[in-house]
Every structure is written in structure tokens, then in C-alpha cells.
Amino acid sequence: MCRLGYYDKLLVAIAGSLALGIAIGLTASVAFLSGLAAGAIVATIFVYEAMFRNPPIPTESAQYRAAAVAWHAFLVVTIVAAAI
């Protein structure tokens, strides 16, 4: 049996929260983009934990900054799209 590490669990939580948001958007009376935006907001909690509170790489690296900018850009685009 495969045991998941800490960051593997965080990746599963991120994907799960996005999938839950998609499922809510598809099945409930909530707009799809609103459900996706809600899932992205929940996923942001896990991303924050993985990137800022307990990062796997040194925080001075360029990869760290690029990942932070990319995630927040995705989150802003999703929220703006849901609001329109």
C-alpha cells in the first residue's frame, strides 16, 4: 500500500476542493463558474499552507515566486469570471 506524504496530501486536497467546486457548479442551482470560484478559494487555503507556511523549497528561489504569482493570477481570473 502506498503511503502519501505531506505534500501529496496537500495536492489531493487542492484537486479535491476544485473537483467539489466543479461538482457543485454542475449539480446545484449555483452557476458553474461560481462553484469553480468557491472551490478555488478553498484550494487557496491548501496552496497557502504548502507555499507560505511550510514550503518544500527555499523561499528565495525563482520557482517559489513564479508559483505564487501563477496561482494568484489563476485565482483572480476565476473570481472575476464568476462575478461577470
PDB file of N, CA and C in Angstrom:
ATOM      1  N   MET A   1       0.840  -1.178   0.000  1.00  0.00           N
ATOM      2  CA  MET A   1       0.000   0.000   0.000  1.00  0.00           C
ATOM      3  C   MET A   1       0.888   1.245   0.000  1.00  0.00           C
ATOM      4  N   CYS A   2       0.509   2.207  -0.779  1.00  0.00           N
ATOM      5  CA  CYS A   2       1.278   3.445  -0.915  1.00  0.00           C
ATOM      6  C   CYS A   2       0.854   4.438   0.165  1.00  0.00           C
ATOM      7  N   ARG A   3       1.835   4.948   0.888  1.00  0.00           N
ATOM      8  CA  ARG A   3       1.560   5.966   1.903  1.00  0.00           C
ATOM      9  C   ARG A   3       1.852   7.339   1.298  1.00  0.00           C
ATOM     10  N   LEU A   4       0.900   8.238   1.464  1.00  0.00           N
ATOM     11  CA  LEU A   4       1.069   9.582   0.917  1.00  0.00           C
ATOM     12  C   LEU A   4       1.859  10.453   1.879  1.00  0.00           C
ATOM     13  N   GLY A   5       2.747  11.247   1.326  1.00  0.00           N
ATOM     14  CA  GLY A   5       3.492  12.212   2.117  1.00  0.00           C
ATOM     15  C   GLY A   5       2.663  13.466   2.349  1.00  0.00           C
ATOM     16  N   TYR A   6       3.224  14.387   3.097  1.00  0.00           N
ATOM     17  CA  TYR A   6       2.528  15.622   3.452  1.00  0.00           C
ATOM     18  C   TYR A   6       2.104  16.421   2.219  1.00  0.00           C
ATOM     19  N   TYR A   7       3.036  16.614   1.292  1.00  0.00           N
ATOM     20  CA  TYR A   7       2.728  17.422   0.112  1.00  0.00           C
ATOM     21  C   TYR A   7       1.814  16.676  -0.859  1.00  0.00           C
ATOM     22  N   ASP A   8       1.881  15.357  -0.865  1.00  0.00           N
ATOM     23  CA  ASP A   8       0.941  14.587  -1.675  1.00  0.00           C
ATOM     24  C   ASP A   8      -0.483  14.783  -1.161  1.00  0.00           C
ATOM     25  N   LYS A   9      -0.641  14.795   0.144  1.00  0.00           N
ATOM     26  CA  LYS A   9      -1.963  15.019   0.731  1.00  0.00           C
ATOM     27  C   LYS A   9      -2.478  16.416   0.403  1.00  0.00           C
ATOM     28  N   LEU A  10      -1.578  17.393   0.428  1.00  0.00           N
ATOM     29  CA  LEU A  10      -1.995  18.748   0.060  1.00  0.00           C
ATOM     30  C   LEU A  10      -2.436  18.817  -1.398  1.00  0.00           C
ATOM     31  N   LEU A  11      -1.718  18.123  -2.284  1.00  0.00           N
ATOM     32  CA  LEU A  11      -2.123  18.097  -3.696  1.00  0.00           C
ATOM     33  C   LEU A  11      -3.490  17.446  -3.868  1.00  0.00           C
ATOM     34  N   VAL A  12      -3.743  16.385  -3.135  1.00  0.00           N
ATOM     35  CA  VAL A  12      -5.054  15.729  -3.190  1.00  0.00           C
ATOM     36  C   VAL A  12      -6.136  16.673  -2.676  1.00  0.00           C
ATOM     37  N   ALA A  13      -5.842  17.406  -1.605  1.00  0.00           N
ATOM     38  CA  ALA A  13      -6.815  18.350  -1.057  1.00  0.00           C
ATOM     39  C   ALA A  13      -7.105  19.482  -2.043  1.00  0.00           C
ATOM     40  N   ILE A  14      -6.085  19.970  -2.726  1.00  0.00           N
ATOM     41  CA  ILE A  14      -6.286  21.024  -3.727  1.00  0.00           C
ATOM     42  C   ILE A  14      -7.166  20.516  -4.861  1.00  0.00           C
ATOM     43  N   ALA A  15      -6.812  19.362  -5.408  1.00  0.00           N
ATOM     44  CA  ALA A  15      -7.604  18.798  -6.502  1.00  0.00           C
ATOM     45  C   ALA A  15      -9.021  18.467  -6.044  1.00  0.00           C
ATOM     46  N   GLY A  16      -9.148  17.956  -4.832  1.00  0.00           N
ATOM     47  CA  GLY A  16     -10.469  17.617  -4.307  1.00  0.00           C
ATOM     48  C   GLY A  16     -11.358  18.824  -4.118  1.00  0.00           C
ATOM     49  N   SER A  17     -10.811  19.917  -3.617  1.00  0.00           N
ATOM     50  CA  SER A  17     -11.634  21.112  -3.426  1.00  0.00           C
ATOM     51  C   SER A  17     -12.052  21.720  -4.760  1.00  0.00           C
ATOM     52  N   LEU A  18     -11.160  21.682  -5.747  1.00  0.00           N
ATOM     53  CA  LEU A  18     -11.544  22.163  -7.078  1.00  0.00           C
ATOM     54  C   LEU A  18     -12.607  21.259  -7.700  1.00  0.00           C
ATOM     55  N   ALA A  19     -12.440  19.937  -7.529  1.00  0.00           N
ATOM     56  CA  ALA A  19     -13.432  18.989  -8.061  1.00  0.00           C
ATOM     57  C   ALA A  19     -14.780  19.168  -7.373  1.00  0.00           C
ATOM     58  N   LEU A  20     -14.763  19.409  -6.073  1.00  0.00           N
ATOM     59  CA  LEU A  20     -16.013  19.645  -5.355  1.00  0.00           C
ATOM     60  C   LEU A  20     -16.693  20.919  -5.851  1.00  0.00           C
ATOM     61  N   GLY A  21     -15.913  21.959  -6.081  1.00  0.00           N
ATOM     62  CA  GLY A  21     -16.483  23.190  -6.628  1.00  0.00           C
ATOM     63  C   GLY A  21     -17.103  22.981  -7.999  1.00  0.00           C
ATOM     64  N   ILE A  22     -16.431  22.189  -8.838  1.00  0.00           N
ATOM     65  CA  ILE A  22     -16.977  21.868 -10.162  1.00  0.00           C
ATOM     66  C   ILE A  22     -18.261  21.066 -10.018  1.00  0.00           C
ATOM     67  N   ALA A  23     -18.255  20.084  -9.121  1.00  0.00           N
ATOM     68  CA  ALA A  23     -19.450  19.248  -8.922  1.00  0.00           C
ATOM     69  C   ALA A  23     -20.624  20.079  -8.430  1.00  0.00           C
ATOM     70  N   ILE A  24     -20.367  20.992  -7.524  1.00  0.00           N
ATOM     71  CA  ILE A  24     -21.436  21.868  -7.037  1.00  0.00           C
ATOM     72  C   ILE A  24     -21.951  22.749  -8.170  1.00  0.00           C
ATOM     73  N   GLY A  25     -21.048  23.265  -8.984  1.00  0.00           N
ATOM     74  CA  GLY A  25     -21.459  24.107 -10.107  1.00  0.00           C
ATOM     75  C   GLY A  25     -22.271  23.363 -11.149  1.00  0.00           C
ATOM     76  N   LEU A  26     -21.992  22.063 -11.309  1.00  0.00           N
ATOM     77  CA  LEU A  26     -22.719  21.279 -12.303  1.00  0.00           C
ATOM     78  C   LEU A  26     -24.051  20.733 -11.788  1.00  0.00           C
ATOM     79  N   THR A  27     -24.144  20.434 -10.496  1.00  0.00           N
ATOM     80  CA  THR A  27     -25.340  19.757  -9.992  1.00  0.00           C
ATOM     81  C   THR A  27     -26.300  20.659  -9.231  1.00  0.00           C
ATOM     82  N   ALA A  28     -25.817  21.703  -8.605  1.00  0.00           N
ATOM     83  CA  ALA A  28     -26.682  22.566  -7.797  1.00  0.00           C
ATOM     84  C   ALA A  28     -27.205  23.718  -8.641  1.00  0.00           C
ATOM     85  N   SER A  29     -28.023  24.526  -8.018  1.00  0.00           N
ATOM     86  CA  SER A  29     -28.577  25.675  -8.731  1.00  0.00           C
ATOM     87  C   SER A  29     -27.616  26.862  -8.723  1.00  0.00           C
ATOM     88  N   VAL A  30     -26.353  26.571  -8.455  1.00  0.00           N
ATOM     89  CA  VAL A  30     -25.306  27.591  -8.463  1.00  0.00           C
ATOM     90  C   VAL A  30     -24.677  27.607  -9.849  1.00  0.00           C
ATOM     91  N   ALA A  31     -24.317  28.768 -10.326  1.00  0.00           N
ATOM     92  CA  ALA A  31     -23.653  28.868 -11.629  1.00  0.00           C
ATOM     93  C   ALA A  31     -22.331  28.101 -11.589  1.00  0.00           C
ATOM     94  N   PHE A  32     -21.968  27.508 -12.710  1.00  0.00           N
ATOM     95  CA  PHE A  32     -20.755  26.696 -12.781  1.00  0.00           C
ATOM     96  C   PHE A  32     -19.528  27.482 -12.351  1.00  0.00           C
ATOM     97  N   LEU A  33     -19.368  28.693 -12.867  1.00  0.00           N
ATOM     98  CA  LEU A  33     -18.194  29.495 -12.520  1.00  0.00           C
ATOM     99  C   LEU A  33     -18.189  29.901 -11.055  1.00  0.00           C
ATOM    100  N   SER A  34     -19.355  30.061 -10.459  1.00  0.00           N
ATOM    101  CA  SER A  34     -19.412  30.372  -9.034  1.00  0.00           C
ATOM    102  C   SER A  34     -18.956  29.178  -8.202  1.00  0.00           C
ATOM    103  N   GLY A  35     -19.370  27.989  -8.599  1.00  0.00           N
ATOM    104  CA  GLY A  35     -18.916  26.782  -7.912  1.00  0.00           C
ATOM    105  C   GLY A  35     -17.419  26.592  -8.058  1.00  0.00           C
ATOM    106  N   LEU A  36     -16.913  26.832  -9.263  1.00  0.00           N
ATOM    107  CA  LEU A  36     -15.475  26.722  -9.503  1.00  0.00           C
ATOM    108  C   LEU A  36     -14.711  27.760  -8.692  1.00  0.00           C
ATOM    109  N   ALA A  37     -15.227  28.966  -8.608  1.00  0.00           N
ATOM    110  CA  ALA A  37     -14.576  30.018  -7.822  1.00  0.00           C
ATOM    111  C   ALA A  37     -14.558  29.650  -6.341  1.00  0.00           C
ATOM    112  N   ALA A  38     -15.636  29.082  -5.842  1.00  0.00           N
ATOM    113  CA  ALA A  38     -15.672  28.657  -4.443  1.00  0.00           C
ATOM    114  C   ALA A  38     -14.646  27.555  -4.192  1.00  0.00           C
ATOM    115  N   GLY A  39     -14.541  26.608  -5.109  1.00  0.00           N
ATOM    116  CA  GLY A  39     -13.533  25.561  -4.978  1.00  0.00           C
ATOM    117  C   GLY A  39     -12.125  26.116  -5.018  1.00  0.00           C
ATOM    118  N   ALA A  40     -11.896  27.114  -5.847  1.00  0.00           N
ATOM    119  CA  ALA A  40     -10.571  27.740  -5.944  1.00  0.00           C
ATOM    120  C   ALA A  40     -10.232  28.490  -4.666  1.00  0.00           C
ATOM    121  N   ILE A  41     -11.218  29.107  -4.043  1.00  0.00           N
ATOM    122  CA  ILE A  41     -10.970  29.815  -2.793  1.00  0.00           C
ATOM    123  C   ILE A  41     -10.590  28.823  -1.695  1.00  0.00           C
ATOM    124  N   VAL A  42     -11.296  27.691  -1.635  1.00  0.00           N
ATOM    125  CA  VAL A  42     -10.946  26.662  -0.647  1.00  0.00           C
ATOM    126  C   VAL A  42      -9.561  26.091  -0.951  1.00  0.00           C
ATOM    127  N   ALA A  43      -9.268  25.856  -2.222  1.00  0.00           N
ATOM    128  CA  ALA A  43      -7.957  25.319  -2.604  1.00  0.00           C
ATOM    129  C   ALA A  43      -6.840  26.284  -2.232  1.00  0.00           C
ATOM    130  N   THR A  44      -7.139  27.574  -2.210  1.00  0.00           N
ATOM    131  CA  THR A  44      -6.143  28.573  -1.861  1.00  0.00           C
ATOM    132  C   THR A  44      -5.627  28.375  -0.435  1.00  0.00           C
ATOM    133  N   ILE A  45      -6.477  27.894   0.455  1.00  0.00           N
ATOM    134  CA  ILE A  45      -6.041  27.614   1.825  1.00  0.00           C
ATOM    135  C   ILE A  45      -4.932  26.569   1.818  1.00  0.00           C
ATOM    136  N   PHE A  46      -5.109  25.519   1.023  1.00  0.00           N
ATOM    137  CA  PHE A  46      -4.104  24.464   0.950  1.00  0.00           C
ATOM    138  C   PHE A  46      -2.851  24.944   0.221  1.00  0.00           C
ATOM    139  N   VAL A  47      -3.027  25.755  -0.794  1.00  0.00           N
ATOM    140  CA  VAL A  47      -1.876  26.315  -1.510  1.00  0.00           C
ATOM    141  C   VAL A  47      -1.084  27.227  -0.582  1.00  0.00           C
ATOM    142  N   TYR A  48      -1.769  28.021   0.198  1.00  0.00           N
ATOM    143  CA  TYR A  48      -1.101  28.903   1.157  1.00  0.00           C
ATOM    144  C   TYR A  48      -0.280  28.077   2.147  1.00  0.00           C
ATOM    145  N   GLU A  49      -0.856  26.988   2.630  1.00  0.00           N
ATOM    146  CA  GLU A  49      -0.140  26.117   3.563  1.00  0.00           C
ATOM    147  C   GLU A  49       1.121  25.547   2.917  1.00  0.00           C
ATOM    148  N   ALA A  50       0.991  25.097   1.683  1.00  0.00           N
ATOM    149  CA  ALA A  50       2.123  24.459   1.000  1.00  0.00           C
ATOM    150  C   ALA A  50       3.183  25.459   0.559  1.00  0.00           C
ATOM    151  N   MET A  51       2.788  26.665   0.219  1.00  0.00           N
ATOM    152  CA  MET A  51       3.741  27.615  -0.361  1.00  0.00           C
ATOM    153  C   MET A  51       4.323  28.600   0.639  1.00  0.00           C
ATOM    154  N   PHE A  52       3.546  29.006   1.623  1.00  0.00           N
ATOM    155  CA  PHE A  52       3.994  30.073   2.501  1.00  0.00           C
ATOM    156  C   PHE A  52       4.276  29.609   3.925  1.00  0.00           C
ATOM    157  N   ARG A  53       3.453  28.731   4.470  1.00  0.00           N
ATOM    158  CA  ARG A  53       3.662  28.291   5.848  1.00  0.00           C
ATOM    159  C   ARG A  53       4.685  27.180   5.949  1.00  0.00           C
ATOM    160  N   ASN A  54       4.724  26.281   4.958  1.00  0.00           N
ATOM    161  CA  ASN A  54       5.622  25.132   5.018  1.00  0.00           C
ATOM    162  C   ASN A  54       6.112  24.789   3.619  1.00  0.00           C
ATOM    163  N   PRO A  55       6.895  25.650   2.982  1.00  0.00           N
ATOM    164  CA  PRO A  55       7.302  25.421   1.589  1.00  0.00           C
ATOM    165  C   PRO A  55       8.320  24.283   1.471  1.00  0.00           C
ATOM    166  N   PRO A  56       8.235  23.515   0.374  1.00  0.00           N
ATOM    167  CA  PRO A  56       9.176  22.413   0.171  1.00  0.00           C
ATOM    168  C   PRO A  56      10.526  22.858  -0.379  1.00  0.00           C
ATOM    169  N   ILE A  57      10.593  24.088  -0.890  1.00  0.00           N
ATOM    170  CA  ILE A  57      11.841  24.618  -1.441  1.00  0.00           C
ATOM    171  C   ILE A  57      12.153  25.930  -0.742  1.00  0.00           C
ATOM    172  N   PRO A  58      13.387  26.380  -0.789  1.00  0.00           N
ATOM    173  CA  PRO A  58      13.701  27.668  -0.152  1.00  0.00           C
ATOM    174  C   PRO A  58      12.854  28.805  -0.738  1.00  0.00           C
ATOM    175  N   THR A  59      12.416  29.695   0.123  1.00  0.00           N
ATOM    176  CA  THR A  59      11.528  30.778  -0.320  1.00  0.00           C
ATOM    177  C   THR A  59      12.233  31.830  -1.157  1.00  0.00           C
ATOM    178  N   GLU A  60      13.550  31.769  -1.252  1.00  0.00           N
ATOM    179  CA  GLU A  60      14.276  32.746  -2.056  1.00  0.00           C
ATOM    180  C   GLU A  60      14.353  32.349  -3.532  1.00  0.00           C
ATOM    181  N   SER A  61      13.915  31.154  -3.886  1.00  0.00           N
ATOM    182  CA  SER A  61      14.090  30.683  -5.262  1.00  0.00           C
ATOM    183  C   SER A  61      13.099  31.345  -6.218  1.00  0.00           C
ATOM    184  N   ALA A  62      13.474  31.377  -7.481  1.00  0.00           N
ATOM    185  CA  ALA A  62      12.608  31.954  -8.517  1.00  0.00           C
ATOM    186  C   ALA A  62      11.378  31.080  -8.747  1.00  0.00           C
ATOM    187  N   GLN A  63      11.521  29.772  -8.573  1.00  0.00           N
ATOM    188  CA  GLN A  63      10.378  28.872  -8.735  1.00  0.00           C
ATOM    189  C   GLN A  63       9.294  29.194  -7.714  1.00  0.00           C
ATOM    190  N   TYR A  64       9.700  29.511  -6.512  1.00  0.00           N
ATOM    191  CA  TYR A  64       8.757  29.863  -5.449  1.00  0.00           C
ATOM    192  C   TYR A  64       7.939  31.087  -5.841  1.00  0.00           C
ATOM    193  N   ARG A  65       8.612  32.106  -6.293  1.00  0.00           N
ATOM    194  CA  ARG A  65       7.908  33.339  -6.684  1.00  0.00           C
ATOM    195  C   ARG A  65       7.002  33.113  -7.892  1.00  0.00           C
ATOM    196  N   ALA A  66       7.477  32.361  -8.871  1.00  0.00           N
ATOM    197  CA  ALA A  66       6.678  32.090 -10.074  1.00  0.00           C
ATOM    198  C   ALA A  66       5.426  31.302  -9.733  1.00  0.00           C
ATOM    199  N   ALA A  67       5.549  30.330  -8.858  1.00  0.00           N
ATOM    200  CA  ALA A  67       4.384  29.533  -8.465  1.00  0.00           C
ATOM    201  C   ALA A  67       3.364  30.385  -7.712  1.00  0.00           C
ATOM    202  N   ALA A  68       3.828  31.257  -6.846  1.00  0.00           N
ATOM    203  CA  ALA A  68       2.920  32.135  -6.105  1.00  0.00           C
ATOM    204  C   ALA A  68       2.178  33.078  -7.040  1.00  0.00           C
ATOM    205  N   VAL A  69       2.879  33.662  -7.993  1.00  0.00           N
ATOM    206  CA  VAL A  69       2.252  34.585  -8.949  1.00  0.00           C
ATOM    207  C   VAL A  69       1.263  33.842  -9.839  1.00  0.00           C
ATOM    208  N   ALA A  70       1.628  32.662 -10.317  1.00  0.00           N
ATOM    209  CA  ALA A  70       0.744  31.892 -11.202  1.00  0.00           C
ATOM    210  C   ALA A  70      -0.536  31.496 -10.482  1.00  0.00           C
ATOM    211  N   TRP A  71      -0.447  31.016  -9.250  1.00  0.00           N
ATOM    212  CA  TRP A  71      -1.645  30.601  -8.523  1.00  0.00           C
ATOM    213  C   TRP A  71      -2.562  31.789  -8.261  1.00  0.00           C
ATOM    214  N   HIS A  72      -2.019  32.902  -7.824  1.00  0.00           N
ATOM    215  CA  HIS A  72      -2.871  34.043  -7.535  1.00  0.00           C
ATOM    216  C   HIS A  72      -3.473  34.645  -8.805  1.00  0.00           C
ATOM    217  N   ALA A  73      -2.760  34.586  -9.910  1.00  0.00           N
ATOM    218  CA  ALA A  73      -3.337  35.034 -11.184  1.00  0.00           C
ATOM    219  C   ALA A  73      -4.518  34.147 -11.568  1.00  0.00           C
ATOM    220  N   PHE A  74      -4.356  32.830 -11.412  1.00  0.00           N
ATOM    221  CA  PHE A  74      -5.461  31.900 -11.693  1.00  0.00           C
ATOM    222  C   PHE A  74      -6.654  32.199 -10.800  1.00  0.00           C
ATOM    223  N   LEU A  75      -6.402  32.432  -9.520  1.00  0.00           N
ATOM    224  CA  LEU A  75      -7.481  32.696  -8.588  1.00  0.00           C
ATOM    225  C   LEU A  75      -8.226  33.989  -8.937  1.00  0.00           C
ATOM    226  N   VAL A  76      -7.505  35.032  -9.277  1.00  0.00           N
ATOM    227  CA  VAL A  76      -8.138  36.300  -9.631  1.00  0.00           C
ATOM    228  C   VAL A  76      -8.971  36.154 -10.905  1.00  0.00           C
ATOM    229  N   VAL A  77      -8.428  35.466 -11.915  1.00  0.00           N
ATOM    230  CA  VAL A  77      -9.177  35.270 -13.169  1.00  0.00           C
ATOM    231  C   VAL A  77     -10.455  34.472 -12.898  1.00  0.00           C
ATOM    232  N   THR A  78     -10.371  33.440 -12.061  1.00  0.00           N
ATOM    233  CA  THR A  78     -11.546  32.629 -11.751  1.00  0.00           C
ATOM    234  C   THR A  78     -12.611  33.448 -11.018  1.00  0.00           C
ATOM    235  N   ILE A  79     -12.193  34.244 -10.064  1.00  0.00           N
ATOM    236  CA  ILE A  79     -13.162  35.057  -9.309  1.00  0.00           C
ATOM    237  C   ILE A  79     -13.786  36.123 -10.199  1.00  0.00           C
ATOM    238  N   VAL A  80     -12.998  36.755 -11.033  1.00  0.00           N
ATOM    239  CA  VAL A  80     -13.541  37.770 -11.958  1.00  0.00           C
ATOM    240  C   VAL A  80     -14.514  37.128 -12.940  1.00  0.00           C
ATOM    241  N   ALA A  81     -14.164  35.958 -13.459  1.00  0.00           N
ATOM    242  CA  ALA A  81     -15.051  35.265 -14.396  1.00  0.00           C
ATOM    243  C   ALA A  81     -16.359  34.854 -13.714  1.00  0.00           C
ATOM    244  N   ALA A  82     -16.293  34.467 -12.456  1.00  0.00           N
ATOM    245  CA  ALA A  82     -17.508  34.094 -11.733  1.00  0.00           C
ATOM    246  C   ALA A  82     -18.391  35.298 -11.437  1.00  0.00           C
ATOM    247  N   ALA A  83     -17.765  36.447 -11.272  1.00  0.00           N
ATOM    248  CA  ALA A  83     -18.531  37.658 -10.941  1.00  0.00           C
ATOM    249  C   ALA A  83     -19.235  38.249 -12.167  1.00  0.00           C
ATOM    250  N   ILE A  84     -18.732  37.942 -13.342  1.00  0.00           N
ATOM    251  CA  ILE A  84     -19.305  38.515 -14.567  1.00  0.00           C
ATOM    252  C   ILE A  84     -20.557  37.781 -14.952  1.00  0.00           C
TER     253      ILE A  84
END
